[in-house]
Amino acid sequence: FQAGDEKRLTNRFFRKMIFNSIRAD
């Protein structure tokens, strides 16, 4: 990701579709 993308952590869709899978792996 790029700097500034951390703001997307508050987006539930982003967490479900992208972030949660990375954390799980």
PDBML (XML) file of the C-alpha atoms, coordinates in Angstrom:
<?xml version="1.0" encoding="UTF-8" ?>
<PDBx:datablock datablockName="MODEL"
   xmlns:PDBx="http://pdbml.pdb.org/schema/pdbx-v50.xsd"
   xmlns:xsi="http://www.w3.org/2001/XMLSchema-instance"
   xsi:schemaLocation="http://pdbml.pdb.org/schema/pdbx-v50.xsd pdbx-v50.xsd">
   <PDBx:atom_siteCategory>
      <PDBx:atom_site id="1">
         <PDBx:B_iso_or_equiv>0.00</PDBx:B_iso_or_equiv>
         <PDBx:Cartn_x>0.000</PDBx:Cartn_x>
         <PDBx:Cartn_y>0.000</PDBx:Cartn_y>
         <PDBx:Cartn_z>0.000</PDBx:Cartn_z>
         <PDBx:auth_asym_id>A</PDBx:auth_asym_id>
         <PDBx:auth_atom_id>CA</PDBx:auth_atom_id>
         <PDBx:auth_comp_id>PHE</PDBx:auth_comp_id>
         <PDBx:auth_seq_id>1</PDBx:auth_seq_id>
         <PDBx:group_PDB>ATOM</PDBx:group_PDB>
         <PDBx:label_alt_id xsi:nil="true" />
         <PDBx:label_asym_id>A</PDBx:label_asym_id>
         <PDBx:label_atom_id>CA</PDBx:label_atom_id>
         <PDBx:label_comp_id>PHE</PDBx:label_comp_id>
         <PDBx:label_entity_id>1</PDBx:label_entity_id>
         <PDBx:label_seq_id>1</PDBx:label_seq_id>
         <PDBx:occupancy>1.00</PDBx:occupancy>
         <PDBx:pdbx_PDB_model_num>1</PDBx:pdbx_PDB_model_num>
         <PDBx:type_symbol>C</PDBx:type_symbol>
      </PDBx:atom_site>
      <PDBx:atom_site id="2">
         <PDBx:B_iso_or_equiv>0.00</PDBx:B_iso_or_equiv>
         <PDBx:Cartn_x>0.954</PDBx:Cartn_x>
         <PDBx:Cartn_y>3.667</PDBx:Cartn_y>
         <PDBx:Cartn_z>-0.150</PDBx:Cartn_z>
         <PDBx:auth_asym_id>A</PDBx:auth_asym_id>
         <PDBx:auth_atom_id>CA</PDBx:auth_atom_id>
         <PDBx:auth_comp_id>GLN</PDBx:auth_comp_id>
         <PDBx:auth_seq_id>2</PDBx:auth_seq_id>
         <PDBx:group_PDB>ATOM</PDBx:group_PDB>
         <PDBx:label_alt_id xsi:nil="true" />
         <PDBx:label_asym_id>A</PDBx:label_asym_id>
         <PDBx:label_atom_id>CA</PDBx:label_atom_id>
         <PDBx:label_comp_id>GLN</PDBx:label_comp_id>
         <PDBx:label_entity_id>1</PDBx:label_entity_id>
         <PDBx:label_seq_id>2</PDBx:label_seq_id>
         <PDBx:occupancy>1.00</PDBx:occupancy>
         <PDBx:pdbx_PDB_model_num>1</PDBx:pdbx_PDB_model_num>
         <PDBx:type_symbol>C</PDBx:type_symbol>
      </PDBx:atom_site>
      <PDBx:atom_site id="3">
         <PDBx:B_iso_or_equiv>0.00</PDBx:B_iso_or_equiv>
         <PDBx:Cartn_x>1.318</PDBx:Cartn_x>
         <PDBx:Cartn_y>6.135</PDBx:Cartn_y>
         <PDBx:Cartn_z>2.694</PDBx:Cartn_z>
         <PDBx:auth_asym_id>A</PDBx:auth_asym_id>
         <PDBx:auth_atom_id>CA</PDBx:auth_atom_id>
         <PDBx:auth_comp_id>ALA</PDBx:auth_comp_id>
         <PDBx:auth_seq_id>3</PDBx:auth_seq_id>
         <PDBx:group_PDB>ATOM</PDBx:group_PDB>
         <PDBx:label_alt_id xsi:nil="true" />
         <PDBx:label_asym_id>A</PDBx:label_asym_id>
         <PDBx:label_atom_id>CA</PDBx:label_atom_id>
         <PDBx:label_comp_id>ALA</PDBx:label_comp_id>
         <PDBx:label_entity_id>1</PDBx:label_entity_id>
         <PDBx:label_seq_id>3</PDBx:label_seq_id>
         <PDBx:occupancy>1.00</PDBx:occupancy>
         <PDBx:pdbx_PDB_model_num>1</PDBx:pdbx_PDB_model_num>
         <PDBx:type_symbol>C</PDBx:type_symbol>
      </PDBx:atom_site>
      <PDBx:atom_site id="4">
         <PDBx:B_iso_or_equiv>0.00</PDBx:B_iso_or_equiv>
         <PDBx:Cartn_x>-2.102</PDBx:Cartn_x>
         <PDBx:Cartn_y>7.547</PDBx:Cartn_y>
         <PDBx:Cartn_z>3.468</PDBx:Cartn_z>
         <PDBx:auth_asym_id>A</PDBx:auth_asym_id>
         <PDBx:auth_atom_id>CA</PDBx:auth_atom_id>
         <PDBx:auth_comp_id>GLY</PDBx:auth_comp_id>
         <PDBx:auth_seq_id>4</PDBx:auth_seq_id>
         <PDBx:group_PDB>ATOM</PDBx:group_PDB>
         <PDBx:label_alt_id xsi:nil="true" />
         <PDBx:label_asym_id>A</PDBx:label_asym_id>
         <PDBx:label_atom_id>CA</PDBx:label_atom_id>
         <PDBx:label_comp_id>GLY</PDBx:label_comp_id>
         <PDBx:label_entity_id>1</PDBx:label_entity_id>
         <PDBx:label_seq_id>4</PDBx:label_seq_id>
         <PDBx:occupancy>1.00</PDBx:occupancy>
         <PDBx:pdbx_PDB_model_num>1</PDBx:pdbx_PDB_model_num>
         <PDBx:type_symbol>C</PDBx:type_symbol>
      </PDBx:atom_site>
      <PDBx:atom_site id="5">
         <PDBx:B_iso_or_equiv>0.00</PDBx:B_iso_or_equiv>
         <PDBx:Cartn_x>-3.911</PDBx:Cartn_x>
         <PDBx:Cartn_y>4.293</PDBx:Cartn_y>
         <PDBx:Cartn_z>2.717</PDBx:Cartn_z>
         <PDBx:auth_asym_id>A</PDBx:auth_asym_id>
         <PDBx:auth_atom_id>CA</PDBx:auth_atom_id>
         <PDBx:auth_comp_id>ASP</PDBx:auth_comp_id>
         <PDBx:auth_seq_id>5</PDBx:auth_seq_id>
         <PDBx:group_PDB>ATOM</PDBx:group_PDB>
         <PDBx:label_alt_id xsi:nil="true" />
         <PDBx:label_asym_id>A</PDBx:label_asym_id>
         <PDBx:label_atom_id>CA</PDBx:label_atom_id>
         <PDBx:label_comp_id>ASP</PDBx:label_comp_id>
         <PDBx:label_entity_id>1</PDBx:label_entity_id>
         <PDBx:label_seq_id>5</PDBx:label_seq_id>
         <PDBx:occupancy>1.00</PDBx:occupancy>
         <PDBx:pdbx_PDB_model_num>1</PDBx:pdbx_PDB_model_num>
         <PDBx:type_symbol>C</PDBx:type_symbol>
      </PDBx:atom_site>
      <PDBx:atom_site id="6">
         <PDBx:B_iso_or_equiv>0.00</PDBx:B_iso_or_equiv>
         <PDBx:Cartn_x>-4.094</PDBx:Cartn_x>
         <PDBx:Cartn_y>3.562</PDBx:Cartn_y>
         <PDBx:Cartn_z>6.455</PDBx:Cartn_z>
         <PDBx:auth_asym_id>A</PDBx:auth_asym_id>
         <PDBx:auth_atom_id>CA</PDBx:auth_atom_id>
         <PDBx:auth_comp_id>GLU</PDBx:auth_comp_id>
         <PDBx:auth_seq_id>6</PDBx:auth_seq_id>
         <PDBx:group_PDB>ATOM</PDBx:group_PDB>
         <PDBx:label_alt_id xsi:nil="true" />
         <PDBx:label_asym_id>A</PDBx:label_asym_id>
         <PDBx:label_atom_id>CA</PDBx:label_atom_id>
         <PDBx:label_comp_id>GLU</PDBx:label_comp_id>
         <PDBx:label_entity_id>1</PDBx:label_entity_id>
         <PDBx:label_seq_id>6</PDBx:label_seq_id>
         <PDBx:occupancy>1.00</PDBx:occupancy>
         <PDBx:pdbx_PDB_model_num>1</PDBx:pdbx_PDB_model_num>
         <PDBx:type_symbol>C</PDBx:type_symbol>
      </PDBx:atom_site>
      <PDBx:atom_site id="7">
         <PDBx:B_iso_or_equiv>0.00</PDBx:B_iso_or_equiv>
         <PDBx:Cartn_x>-7.219</PDBx:Cartn_x>
         <PDBx:Cartn_y>5.737</PDBx:Cartn_y>
         <PDBx:Cartn_z>6.520</PDBx:Cartn_z>
         <PDBx:auth_asym_id>A</PDBx:auth_asym_id>
         <PDBx:auth_atom_id>CA</PDBx:auth_atom_id>
         <PDBx:auth_comp_id>LYS</PDBx:auth_comp_id>
         <PDBx:auth_seq_id>7</PDBx:auth_seq_id>
         <PDBx:group_PDB>ATOM</PDBx:group_PDB>
         <PDBx:label_alt_id xsi:nil="true" />
         <PDBx:label_asym_id>A</PDBx:label_asym_id>
         <PDBx:label_atom_id>CA</PDBx:label_atom_id>
         <PDBx:label_comp_id>LYS</PDBx:label_comp_id>
         <PDBx:label_entity_id>1</PDBx:label_entity_id>
         <PDBx:label_seq_id>7</PDBx:label_seq_id>
         <PDBx:occupancy>1.00</PDBx:occupancy>
         <PDBx:pdbx_PDB_model_num>1</PDBx:pdbx_PDB_model_num>
         <PDBx:type_symbol>C</PDBx:type_symbol>
      </PDBx:atom_site>
      <PDBx:atom_site id="8">
         <PDBx:B_iso_or_equiv>0.00</PDBx:B_iso_or_equiv>
         <PDBx:Cartn_x>-8.992</PDBx:Cartn_x>
         <PDBx:Cartn_y>2.871</PDBx:Cartn_y>
         <PDBx:Cartn_z>4.756</PDBx:Cartn_z>
         <PDBx:auth_asym_id>A</PDBx:auth_asym_id>
         <PDBx:auth_atom_id>CA</PDBx:auth_atom_id>
         <PDBx:auth_comp_id>ARG</PDBx:auth_comp_id>
         <PDBx:auth_seq_id>8</PDBx:auth_seq_id>
         <PDBx:group_PDB>ATOM</PDBx:group_PDB>
         <PDBx:label_alt_id xsi:nil="true" />
         <PDBx:label_asym_id>A</PDBx:label_asym_id>
         <PDBx:label_atom_id>CA</PDBx:label_atom_id>
         <PDBx:label_comp_id>ARG</PDBx:label_comp_id>
         <PDBx:label_entity_id>1</PDBx:label_entity_id>
         <PDBx:label_seq_id>8</PDBx:label_seq_id>
         <PDBx:occupancy>1.00</PDBx:occupancy>
         <PDBx:pdbx_PDB_model_num>1</PDBx:pdbx_PDB_model_num>
         <PDBx:type_symbol>C</PDBx:type_symbol>
      </PDBx:atom_site>
      <PDBx:atom_site id="9">
         <PDBx:B_iso_or_equiv>0.00</PDBx:B_iso_or_equiv>
         <PDBx:Cartn_x>-8.792</PDBx:Cartn_x>
         <PDBx:Cartn_y>0.766</PDBx:Cartn_y>
         <PDBx:Cartn_z>7.918</PDBx:Cartn_z>
         <PDBx:auth_asym_id>A</PDBx:auth_asym_id>
         <PDBx:auth_atom_id>CA</PDBx:auth_atom_id>
         <PDBx:auth_comp_id>LEU</PDBx:auth_comp_id>
         <PDBx:auth_seq_id>9</PDBx:auth_seq_id>
         <PDBx:group_PDB>ATOM</PDBx:group_PDB>
         <PDBx:label_alt_id xsi:nil="true" />
         <PDBx:label_asym_id>A</PDBx:label_asym_id>
         <PDBx:label_atom_id>CA</PDBx:label_atom_id>
         <PDBx:label_comp_id>LEU</PDBx:label_comp_id>
         <PDBx:label_entity_id>1</PDBx:label_entity_id>
         <PDBx:label_seq_id>9</PDBx:label_seq_id>
         <PDBx:occupancy>1.00</PDBx:occupancy>
         <PDBx:pdbx_PDB_model_num>1</PDBx:pdbx_PDB_model_num>
         <PDBx:type_symbol>C</PDBx:type_symbol>
      </PDBx:atom_site>
      <PDBx:atom_site id="10">
         <PDBx:B_iso_or_equiv>0.00</PDBx:B_iso_or_equiv>
         <PDBx:Cartn_x>-12.024</PDBx:Cartn_x>
         <PDBx:Cartn_y>2.415</PDBx:Cartn_y>
         <PDBx:Cartn_z>9.068</PDBx:Cartn_z>
         <PDBx:auth_asym_id>A</PDBx:auth_asym_id>
         <PDBx:auth_atom_id>CA</PDBx:auth_atom_id>
         <PDBx:auth_comp_id>THR</PDBx:auth_comp_id>
         <PDBx:auth_seq_id>10</PDBx:auth_seq_id>
         <PDBx:group_PDB>ATOM</PDBx:group_PDB>
         <PDBx:label_alt_id xsi:nil="true" />
         <PDBx:label_asym_id>A</PDBx:label_asym_id>
         <PDBx:label_atom_id>CA</PDBx:label_atom_id>
         <PDBx:label_comp_id>THR</PDBx:label_comp_id>
         <PDBx:label_entity_id>1</PDBx:label_entity_id>
         <PDBx:label_seq_id>10</PDBx:label_seq_id>
         <PDBx:occupancy>1.00</PDBx:occupancy>
         <PDBx:pdbx_PDB_model_num>1</PDBx:pdbx_PDB_model_num>
         <PDBx:type_symbol>C</PDBx:type_symbol>
      </PDBx:atom_site>
      <PDBx:atom_site id="11">
         <PDBx:B_iso_or_equiv>0.00</PDBx:B_iso_or_equiv>
         <PDBx:Cartn_x>-13.811</PDBx:Cartn_x>
         <PDBx:Cartn_y>1.156</PDBx:Cartn_y>
         <PDBx:Cartn_z>5.958</PDBx:Cartn_z>
         <PDBx:auth_asym_id>A</PDBx:auth_asym_id>
         <PDBx:auth_atom_id>CA</PDBx:auth_atom_id>
         <PDBx:auth_comp_id>ASN</PDBx:auth_comp_id>
         <PDBx:auth_seq_id>11</PDBx:auth_seq_id>
         <PDBx:group_PDB>ATOM</PDBx:group_PDB>
         <PDBx:label_alt_id xsi:nil="true" />
         <PDBx:label_asym_id>A</PDBx:label_asym_id>
         <PDBx:label_atom_id>CA</PDBx:label_atom_id>
         <PDBx:label_comp_id>ASN</PDBx:label_comp_id>
         <PDBx:label_entity_id>1</PDBx:label_entity_id>
         <PDBx:label_seq_id>11</PDBx:label_seq_id>
         <PDBx:occupancy>1.00</PDBx:occupancy>
         <PDBx:pdbx_PDB_model_num>1</PDBx:pdbx_PDB_model_num>
         <PDBx:type_symbol>C</PDBx:type_symbol>
      </PDBx:atom_site>
      <PDBx:atom_site id="12">
         <PDBx:B_iso_or_equiv>0.00</PDBx:B_iso_or_equiv>
         <PDBx:Cartn_x>-15.612</PDBx:Cartn_x>
         <PDBx:Cartn_y>-2.125</PDBx:Cartn_y>
         <PDBx:Cartn_z>6.685</PDBx:Cartn_z>
         <PDBx:auth_asym_id>A</PDBx:auth_asym_id>
         <PDBx:auth_atom_id>CA</PDBx:auth_atom_id>
         <PDBx:auth_comp_id>ARG</PDBx:auth_comp_id>
         <PDBx:auth_seq_id>12</PDBx:auth_seq_id>
         <PDBx:group_PDB>ATOM</PDBx:group_PDB>
         <PDBx:label_alt_id xsi:nil="true" />
         <PDBx:label_asym_id>A</PDBx:label_asym_id>
         <PDBx:label_atom_id>CA</PDBx:label_atom_id>
         <PDBx:label_comp_id>ARG</PDBx:label_comp_id>
         <PDBx:label_entity_id>1</PDBx:label_entity_id>
         <PDBx:label_seq_id>12</PDBx:label_seq_id>
         <PDBx:occupancy>1.00</PDBx:occupancy>
         <PDBx:pdbx_PDB_model_num>1</PDBx:pdbx_PDB_model_num>
         <PDBx:type_symbol>C</PDBx:type_symbol>
      </PDBx:atom_site>
      <PDBx:atom_site id="13">
         <PDBx:B_iso_or_equiv>0.00</PDBx:B_iso_or_equiv>
         <PDBx:Cartn_x>-15.675</PDBx:Cartn_x>
         <PDBx:Cartn_y>-3.154</PDBx:Cartn_y>
         <PDBx:Cartn_z>3.015</PDBx:Cartn_z>
         <PDBx:auth_asym_id>A</PDBx:auth_asym_id>
         <PDBx:auth_atom_id>CA</PDBx:auth_atom_id>
         <PDBx:auth_comp_id>PHE</PDBx:auth_comp_id>
         <PDBx:auth_seq_id>13</PDBx:auth_seq_id>
         <PDBx:group_PDB>ATOM</PDBx:group_PDB>
         <PDBx:label_alt_id xsi:nil="true" />
         <PDBx:label_asym_id>A</PDBx:label_asym_id>
         <PDBx:label_atom_id>CA</PDBx:label_atom_id>
         <PDBx:label_comp_id>PHE</PDBx:label_comp_id>
         <PDBx:label_entity_id>1</PDBx:label_entity_id>
         <PDBx:label_seq_id>13</PDBx:label_seq_id>
         <PDBx:occupancy>1.00</PDBx:occupancy>
         <PDBx:pdbx_PDB_model_num>1</PDBx:pdbx_PDB_model_num>
         <PDBx:type_symbol>C</PDBx:type_symbol>
      </PDBx:atom_site>
      <PDBx:atom_site id="14">
         <PDBx:B_iso_or_equiv>0.00</PDBx:B_iso_or_equiv>
         <PDBx:Cartn_x>-11.911</PDBx:Cartn_x>
         <PDBx:Cartn_y>-2.638</PDBx:Cartn_y>
         <PDBx:Cartn_z>2.730</PDBx:Cartn_z>
         <PDBx:auth_asym_id>A</PDBx:auth_asym_id>
         <PDBx:auth_atom_id>CA</PDBx:auth_atom_id>
         <PDBx:auth_comp_id>PHE</PDBx:auth_comp_id>
         <PDBx:auth_seq_id>14</PDBx:auth_seq_id>
         <PDBx:group_PDB>ATOM</PDBx:group_PDB>
         <PDBx:label_alt_id xsi:nil="true" />
         <PDBx:label_asym_id>A</PDBx:label_asym_id>
         <PDBx:label_atom_id>CA</PDBx:label_atom_id>
         <PDBx:label_comp_id>PHE</PDBx:label_comp_id>
         <PDBx:label_entity_id>1</PDBx:label_entity_id>
         <PDBx:label_seq_id>14</PDBx:label_seq_id>
         <PDBx:occupancy>1.00</PDBx:occupancy>
         <PDBx:pdbx_PDB_model_num>1</PDBx:pdbx_PDB_model_num>
         <PDBx:type_symbol>C</PDBx:type_symbol>
      </PDBx:atom_site>
      <PDBx:atom_site id="15">
         <PDBx:B_iso_or_equiv>0.00</PDBx:B_iso_or_equiv>
         <PDBx:Cartn_x>-11.313</PDBx:Cartn_x>
         <PDBx:Cartn_y>-4.704</PDBx:Cartn_y>
         <PDBx:Cartn_z>5.854</PDBx:Cartn_z>
         <PDBx:auth_asym_id>A</PDBx:auth_asym_id>
         <PDBx:auth_atom_id>CA</PDBx:auth_atom_id>
         <PDBx:auth_comp_id>ARG</PDBx:auth_comp_id>
         <PDBx:auth_seq_id>15</PDBx:auth_seq_id>
         <PDBx:group_PDB>ATOM</PDBx:group_PDB>
         <PDBx:label_alt_id xsi:nil="true" />
         <PDBx:label_asym_id>A</PDBx:label_asym_id>
         <PDBx:label_atom_id>CA</PDBx:label_atom_id>
         <PDBx:label_comp_id>ARG</PDBx:label_comp_id>
         <PDBx:label_entity_id>1</PDBx:label_entity_id>
         <PDBx:label_seq_id>15</PDBx:label_seq_id>
         <PDBx:occupancy>1.00</PDBx:occupancy>
         <PDBx:pdbx_PDB_model_num>1</PDBx:pdbx_PDB_model_num>
         <PDBx:type_symbol>C</PDBx:type_symbol>
      </PDBx:atom_site>
      <PDBx:atom_site id="16">
         <PDBx:B_iso_or_equiv>0.00</PDBx:B_iso_or_equiv>
         <PDBx:Cartn_x>-13.491</PDBx:Cartn_x>
         <PDBx:Cartn_y>-7.589</PDBx:Cartn_y>
         <PDBx:Cartn_z>4.661</PDBx:Cartn_z>
         <PDBx:auth_asym_id>A</PDBx:auth_asym_id>
         <PDBx:auth_atom_id>CA</PDBx:auth_atom_id>
         <PDBx:auth_comp_id>LYS</PDBx:auth_comp_id>
         <PDBx:auth_seq_id>16</PDBx:auth_seq_id>
         <PDBx:group_PDB>ATOM</PDBx:group_PDB>
         <PDBx:label_alt_id xsi:nil="true" />
         <PDBx:label_asym_id>A</PDBx:label_asym_id>
         <PDBx:label_atom_id>CA</PDBx:label_atom_id>
         <PDBx:label_comp_id>LYS</PDBx:label_comp_id>
         <PDBx:label_entity_id>1</PDBx:label_entity_id>
         <PDBx:label_seq_id>16</PDBx:label_seq_id>
         <PDBx:occupancy>1.00</PDBx:occupancy>
         <PDBx:pdbx_PDB_model_num>1</PDBx:pdbx_PDB_model_num>
         <PDBx:type_symbol>C</PDBx:type_symbol>
      </PDBx:atom_site>
      <PDBx:atom_site id="17">
         <PDBx:B_iso_or_equiv>0.00</PDBx:B_iso_or_equiv>
         <PDBx:Cartn_x>-12.298</PDBx:Cartn_x>
         <PDBx:Cartn_y>-7.692</PDBx:Cartn_y>
         <PDBx:Cartn_z>1.073</PDBx:Cartn_z>
         <PDBx:auth_asym_id>A</PDBx:auth_asym_id>
         <PDBx:auth_atom_id>CA</PDBx:auth_atom_id>
         <PDBx:auth_comp_id>MET</PDBx:auth_comp_id>
         <PDBx:auth_seq_id>17</PDBx:auth_seq_id>
         <PDBx:group_PDB>ATOM</PDBx:group_PDB>
         <PDBx:label_alt_id xsi:nil="true" />
         <PDBx:label_asym_id>A</PDBx:label_asym_id>
         <PDBx:label_atom_id>CA</PDBx:label_atom_id>
         <PDBx:label_comp_id>MET</PDBx:label_comp_id>
         <PDBx:label_entity_id>1</PDBx:label_entity_id>
         <PDBx:label_seq_id>17</PDBx:label_seq_id>
         <PDBx:occupancy>1.00</PDBx:occupancy>
         <PDBx:pdbx_PDB_model_num>1</PDBx:pdbx_PDB_model_num>
         <PDBx:type_symbol>C</PDBx:type_symbol>
      </PDBx:atom_site>
      <PDBx:atom_site id="18">
         <PDBx:B_iso_or_equiv>0.00</PDBx:B_iso_or_equiv>
         <PDBx:Cartn_x>-8.598</PDBx:Cartn_x>
         <PDBx:Cartn_y>-6.931</PDBx:Cartn_y>
         <PDBx:Cartn_z>1.558</PDBx:Cartn_z>
         <PDBx:auth_asym_id>A</PDBx:auth_asym_id>
         <PDBx:auth_atom_id>CA</PDBx:auth_atom_id>
         <PDBx:auth_comp_id>ILE</PDBx:auth_comp_id>
         <PDBx:auth_seq_id>18</PDBx:auth_seq_id>
         <PDBx:group_PDB>ATOM</PDBx:group_PDB>
         <PDBx:label_alt_id xsi:nil="true" />
         <PDBx:label_asym_id>A</PDBx:label_asym_id>
         <PDBx:label_atom_id>CA</PDBx:label_atom_id>
         <PDBx:label_comp_id>ILE</PDBx:label_comp_id>
         <PDBx:label_entity_id>1</PDBx:label_entity_id>
         <PDBx:label_seq_id>18</PDBx:label_seq_id>
         <PDBx:occupancy>1.00</PDBx:occupancy>
         <PDBx:pdbx_PDB_model_num>1</PDBx:pdbx_PDB_model_num>
         <PDBx:type_symbol>C</PDBx:type_symbol>
      </PDBx:atom_site>
      <PDBx:atom_site id="19">
         <PDBx:B_iso_or_equiv>0.00</PDBx:B_iso_or_equiv>
         <PDBx:Cartn_x>-7.168</PDBx:Cartn_x>
         <PDBx:Cartn_y>-6.255</PDBx:Cartn_y>
         <PDBx:Cartn_z>5.008</PDBx:Cartn_z>
         <PDBx:auth_asym_id>A</PDBx:auth_asym_id>
         <PDBx:auth_atom_id>CA</PDBx:auth_atom_id>
         <PDBx:auth_comp_id>PHE</PDBx:auth_comp_id>
         <PDBx:auth_seq_id>19</PDBx:auth_seq_id>
         <PDBx:group_PDB>ATOM</PDBx:group_PDB>
         <PDBx:label_alt_id xsi:nil="true" />
         <PDBx:label_asym_id>A</PDBx:label_asym_id>
         <PDBx:label_atom_id>CA</PDBx:label_atom_id>
         <PDBx:label_comp_id>PHE</PDBx:label_comp_id>
         <PDBx:label_entity_id>1</PDBx:label_entity_id>
         <PDBx:label_seq_id>19</PDBx:label_seq_id>
         <PDBx:occupancy>1.00</PDBx:occupancy>
         <PDBx:pdbx_PDB_model_num>1</PDBx:pdbx_PDB_model_num>
         <PDBx:type_symbol>C</PDBx:type_symbol>
      </PDBx:atom_site>
      <PDBx:atom_site id="20">
         <PDBx:B_iso_or_equiv>0.00</PDBx:B_iso_or_equiv>
         <PDBx:Cartn_x>-8.614</PDBx:Cartn_x>
         <PDBx:Cartn_y>-9.164</PDBx:Cartn_y>
         <PDBx:Cartn_z>6.996</PDBx:Cartn_z>
         <PDBx:auth_asym_id>A</PDBx:auth_asym_id>
         <PDBx:auth_atom_id>CA</PDBx:auth_atom_id>
         <PDBx:auth_comp_id>ASN</PDBx:auth_comp_id>
         <PDBx:auth_seq_id>20</PDBx:auth_seq_id>
         <PDBx:group_PDB>ATOM</PDBx:group_PDB>
         <PDBx:label_alt_id xsi:nil="true" />
         <PDBx:label_asym_id>A</PDBx:label_asym_id>
         <PDBx:label_atom_id>CA</PDBx:label_atom_id>
         <PDBx:label_comp_id>ASN</PDBx:label_comp_id>
         <PDBx:label_entity_id>1</PDBx:label_entity_id>
         <PDBx:label_seq_id>20</PDBx:label_seq_id>
         <PDBx:occupancy>1.00</PDBx:occupancy>
         <PDBx:pdbx_PDB_model_num>1</PDBx:pdbx_PDB_model_num>
         <PDBx:type_symbol>C</PDBx:type_symbol>
      </PDBx:atom_site>
      <PDBx:atom_site id="21">
         <PDBx:B_iso_or_equiv>0.00</PDBx:B_iso_or_equiv>
         <PDBx:Cartn_x>-7.300</PDBx:Cartn_x>
         <PDBx:Cartn_y>-11.742</PDBx:Cartn_y>
         <PDBx:Cartn_z>4.540</PDBx:Cartn_z>
         <PDBx:auth_asym_id>A</PDBx:auth_asym_id>
         <PDBx:auth_atom_id>CA</PDBx:auth_atom_id>
         <PDBx:auth_comp_id>SER</PDBx:auth_comp_id>
         <PDBx:auth_seq_id>21</PDBx:auth_seq_id>
         <PDBx:group_PDB>ATOM</PDBx:group_PDB>
         <PDBx:label_alt_id xsi:nil="true" />
         <PDBx:label_asym_id>A</PDBx:label_asym_id>
         <PDBx:label_atom_id>CA</PDBx:label_atom_id>
         <PDBx:label_comp_id>SER</PDBx:label_comp_id>
         <PDBx:label_entity_id>1</PDBx:label_entity_id>
         <PDBx:label_seq_id>21</PDBx:label_seq_id>
         <PDBx:occupancy>1.00</PDBx:occupancy>
         <PDBx:pdbx_PDB_model_num>1</PDBx:pdbx_PDB_model_num>
         <PDBx:type_symbol>C</PDBx:type_symbol>
      </PDBx:atom_site>
      <PDBx:atom_site id="22">
         <PDBx:B_iso_or_equiv>0.00</PDBx:B_iso_or_equiv>
         <PDBx:Cartn_x>-3.794</PDBx:Cartn_x>
         <PDBx:Cartn_y>-10.280</PDBx:Cartn_y>
         <PDBx:Cartn_z>4.740</PDBx:Cartn_z>
         <PDBx:auth_asym_id>A</PDBx:auth_asym_id>
         <PDBx:auth_atom_id>CA</PDBx:auth_atom_id>
         <PDBx:auth_comp_id>ILE</PDBx:auth_comp_id>
         <PDBx:auth_seq_id>22</PDBx:auth_seq_id>
         <PDBx:group_PDB>ATOM</PDBx:group_PDB>
         <PDBx:label_alt_id xsi:nil="true" />
         <PDBx:label_asym_id>A</PDBx:label_asym_id>
         <PDBx:label_atom_id>CA</PDBx:label_atom_id>
         <PDBx:label_comp_id>ILE</PDBx:label_comp_id>
         <PDBx:label_entity_id>1</PDBx:label_entity_id>
         <PDBx:label_seq_id>22</PDBx:label_seq_id>
         <PDBx:occupancy>1.00</PDBx:occupancy>
         <PDBx:pdbx_PDB_model_num>1</PDBx:pdbx_PDB_model_num>
         <PDBx:type_symbol>C</PDBx:type_symbol>
      </PDBx:atom_site>
      <PDBx:atom_site id="23">
         <PDBx:B_iso_or_equiv>0.00</PDBx:B_iso_or_equiv>
         <PDBx:Cartn_x>-3.876</PDBx:Cartn_x>
         <PDBx:Cartn_y>-10.352</PDBx:Cartn_y>
         <PDBx:Cartn_z>8.548</PDBx:Cartn_z>
         <PDBx:auth_asym_id>A</PDBx:auth_asym_id>
         <PDBx:auth_atom_id>CA</PDBx:auth_atom_id>
         <PDBx:auth_comp_id>ARG</PDBx:auth_comp_id>
         <PDBx:auth_seq_id>23</PDBx:auth_seq_id>
         <PDBx:group_PDB>ATOM</PDBx:group_PDB>
         <PDBx:label_alt_id xsi:nil="true" />
         <PDBx:label_asym_id>A</PDBx:label_asym_id>
         <PDBx:label_atom_id>CA</PDBx:label_atom_id>
         <PDBx:label_comp_id>ARG</PDBx:label_comp_id>
         <PDBx:label_entity_id>1</PDBx:label_entity_id>
         <PDBx:label_seq_id>23</PDBx:label_seq_id>
         <PDBx:occupancy>1.00</PDBx:occupancy>
         <PDBx:pdbx_PDB_model_num>1</PDBx:pdbx_PDB_model_num>
         <PDBx:type_symbol>C</PDBx:type_symbol>
      </PDBx:atom_site>
      <PDBx:atom_site id="24">
         <PDBx:B_iso_or_equiv>0.00</PDBx:B_iso_or_equiv>
         <PDBx:Cartn_x>-5.128</PDBx:Cartn_x>
         <PDBx:Cartn_y>-13.943</PDBx:Cartn_y>
         <PDBx:Cartn_z>8.513</PDBx:Cartn_z>
         <PDBx:auth_asym_id>A</PDBx:auth_asym_id>
         <PDBx:auth_atom_id>CA</PDBx:auth_atom_id>
         <PDBx:auth_comp_id>ALA</PDBx:auth_comp_id>
         <PDBx:auth_seq_id>24</PDBx:auth_seq_id>
         <PDBx:group_PDB>ATOM</PDBx:group_PDB>
         <PDBx:label_alt_id xsi:nil="true" />
         <PDBx:label_asym_id>A</PDBx:label_asym_id>
         <PDBx:label_atom_id>CA</PDBx:label_atom_id>
         <PDBx:label_comp_id>ALA</PDBx:label_comp_id>
         <PDBx:label_entity_id>1</PDBx:label_entity_id>
         <PDBx:label_seq_id>24</PDBx:label_seq_id>
         <PDBx:occupancy>1.00</PDBx:occupancy>
         <PDBx:pdbx_PDB_model_num>1</PDBx:pdbx_PDB_model_num>
         <PDBx:type_symbol>C</PDBx:type_symbol>
      </PDBx:atom_site>
      <PDBx:atom_site id="25">
         <PDBx:B_iso_or_equiv>0.00</PDBx:B_iso_or_equiv>
         <PDBx:Cartn_x>-2.306</PDBx:Cartn_x>
         <PDBx:Cartn_y>-15.044</PDBx:Cartn_y>
         <PDBx:Cartn_z>6.215</PDBx:Cartn_z>
         <PDBx:auth_asym_id>A</PDBx:auth_asym_id>
         <PDBx:auth_atom_id>CA</PDBx:auth_atom_id>
         <PDBx:auth_comp_id>ASP</PDBx:auth_comp_id>
         <PDBx:auth_seq_id>25</PDBx:auth_seq_id>
         <PDBx:group_PDB>ATOM</PDBx:group_PDB>
         <PDBx:label_alt_id xsi:nil="true" />
         <PDBx:label_asym_id>A</PDBx:label_asym_id>
         <PDBx:label_atom_id>CA</PDBx:label_atom_id>
         <PDBx:label_comp_id>ASP</PDBx:label_comp_id>
         <PDBx:label_entity_id>1</PDBx:label_entity_id>
         <PDBx:label_seq_id>25</PDBx:label_seq_id>
         <PDBx:occupancy>1.00</PDBx:occupancy>
         <PDBx:pdbx_PDB_model_num>1</PDBx:pdbx_PDB_model_num>
         <PDBx:type_symbol>C</PDBx:type_symbol>
      </PDBx:atom_site>
   </PDBx:atom_siteCategory>
</PDBx:datablock>
